[in-house]
Protein backbone atom coordinates (compact mmCIF):
# COMPACT_ATOMS: atom_id res chain seq x y z
CA MET A 1 -66.46 -24.33 56.87
CA PRO A 2 -67.98 -27.83 55.61
CA ASP A 3 -69.54 -29.97 58.01
CA PRO A 4 -67.35 -32.77 59.46
CA ALA A 5 -67.99 -36.20 58.27
CA PRO A 6 -70.23 -38.29 60.45
CA PRO A 7 -68.64 -40.65 62.72
CA ALA A 8 -67.88 -44.06 61.43
CA SER A 9 -70.28 -46.86 62.39
CA ARG A 10 -68.93 -49.86 64.25
CA LEU A 11 -69.50 -51.90 61.29
CA GLU A 12 -67.47 -49.63 59.06
CA LEU A 13 -64.64 -49.69 61.59
CA LEU A 14 -64.73 -53.47 61.68
CA ARG A 15 -64.60 -53.62 57.76
CA PHE A 16 -61.60 -51.31 57.82
CA LEU A 17 -59.86 -53.48 60.39
CA GLU A 18 -60.61 -56.57 58.26
CA ARG A 19 -59.07 -54.85 55.12
CA VAL A 20 -55.86 -54.02 57.07
CA GLN A 21 -55.64 -57.50 58.48
CA VAL A 22 -56.06 -59.06 54.96
CA GLN A 23 -53.39 -56.98 53.71
CA ASP A 24 -50.99 -57.88 56.52
CA LEU A 25 -51.74 -61.56 55.99
CA GLN A 26 -50.96 -61.24 52.28
CA ARG A 27 -47.61 -59.51 53.18
CA THR A 28 -46.84 -62.26 55.49
CA ARG A 29 -47.63 -64.93 52.78
CA ASP A 30 -45.41 -63.03 50.37
CA TRP A 31 -42.57 -63.18 52.83
CA ILE A 32 -43.12 -66.89 53.42
CA ALA A 33 -43.18 -67.48 49.57
CA ALA A 34 -39.83 -65.42 49.30
CA GLU A 35 -38.11 -67.33 52.04
CA GLU A 36 -39.28 -70.64 50.45
CA ARG A 37 -37.78 -69.73 47.19
CA MET A 38 -34.54 -68.52 48.80
CA ILE A 39 -34.31 -71.99 50.71
CA ALA A 40 -34.99 -73.88 47.40
CA ALA A 41 -32.32 -71.77 45.64
CA GLU A 42 -29.71 -72.43 48.32
CA GLY A 43 -30.41 -76.26 47.86
CA GLU A 44 -29.60 -75.84 44.14
CA ARG A 45 -26.27 -74.15 44.65
CA ARG A 46 -23.09 -76.07 44.48
CA PRO A 47 -20.99 -76.21 47.67
CA ALA A 48 -17.89 -74.03 47.77
CA PRO A 49 -14.76 -75.90 46.49
CA PRO A 50 -12.30 -76.76 49.34
CA PRO A 51 -9.47 -74.09 49.82
CA PRO A 52 -6.21 -75.10 48.22
CA ALA A 53 -3.69 -76.79 50.40
CA TRP A 54 -0.96 -74.21 49.85
CA LEU A 55 -0.71 -70.55 48.81
CA ILE A 56 1.98 -68.42 47.72
CA GLU A 57 1.74 -64.70 48.32
CA HIS A 58 3.11 -62.45 45.59
CA GLY A 59 4.30 -58.90 46.00
CA ILE A 60 3.07 -55.64 44.22
CA GLY A 61 4.59 -54.42 41.14
CA THR A 62 6.29 -55.70 37.91
CA GLY A 63 7.06 -59.33 37.95
CA ARG A 64 5.28 -59.81 41.24
CA PRO A 65 7.91 -61.90 43.07
CA ALA A 66 6.74 -64.40 45.88
CA VAL A 67 6.94 -62.84 49.21
CA ARG A 68 5.43 -65.41 51.62
CA VAL A 69 4.10 -68.95 51.78
CA HIS A 70 0.96 -69.95 53.63
CA THR A 71 -1.22 -72.95 54.22
CA GLY A 72 -4.51 -72.99 52.21
CA ASP A 73 -6.68 -72.27 55.48
CA CYS A 74 -4.45 -69.45 56.85
CA TRP A 75 -6.45 -66.48 58.10
CA ASP A 76 -3.55 -63.96 57.20
CA THR A 77 -3.76 -64.42 53.36
CA ARG A 78 -4.41 -61.56 51.08
CA THR A 79 -5.73 -61.16 47.51
CA ARG A 80 -2.35 -61.60 46.08
CA CYS A 81 -2.20 -65.21 47.02
CA LYS A 82 -2.33 -68.05 44.33
CA PRO A 83 -2.69 -71.78 44.94
CA ALA A 84 0.41 -73.69 44.75
CA THR A 85 1.48 -77.37 44.64
CA THR A 86 3.41 -78.95 47.63
CA ASP A 87 6.55 -79.07 45.42
CA ALA A 88 6.22 -75.34 44.51
CA VAL A 89 5.95 -74.41 48.24
CA ARG A 90 8.91 -76.60 49.27
CA ARG A 91 10.84 -75.12 46.53
CA ALA A 92 9.85 -71.54 47.41
CA LEU A 93 10.62 -72.26 51.15
CA THR A 94 14.16 -73.69 50.34
CA GLU A 95 14.78 -70.63 48.08
CA GLY A 96 14.46 -68.34 50.99
CA ILE A 97 10.80 -67.21 50.60
CA PRO A 98 9.64 -66.74 54.22
CA ALA A 99 6.91 -68.78 55.66
CA CYS A 100 3.92 -67.19 57.16
CA PRO A 101 4.47 -66.76 60.92
CA HIS A 102 0.86 -67.50 61.76
CA CYS A 103 0.16 -70.72 59.81
CA ARG A 104 3.71 -71.95 59.53
CA PRO A 105 3.65 -74.01 56.33
CA ASP A 106 7.31 -74.89 56.92
CA THR A 107 6.48 -76.61 59.98
CA ALA A 108 3.58 -78.48 58.36
CA LEU A 109 5.82 -79.65 55.61
CA GLY A 110 8.72 -80.53 57.88
CA ILE A 111 11.09 -77.91 56.43
CA LEU A 112 12.62 -76.06 59.38
CA ASP A 113 15.59 -73.64 59.33
């Protein structure tokens, strides 16, 4: 059986600690640099466009008829919604397309049954 290594001197232990701390400091500096890059990139992004004022929800299938009308900021919209003009929304509501019961675009437009 080989002889065990002699115990490390206090100076060797301190040098080891120094290497570990330098590595930790470099890792922290890398994190800071990455965060600064991310903040700079966010400043370059354009703000999101405002939501459309009105949405018309279309059904599933061939022809995809309109099935419901929403305000642009309604929380109950789905991926089948398309932006619409005020005139198109009024026309849809008067043609019998139901208004969303949550955002009530018919009330917002003053069109009540």
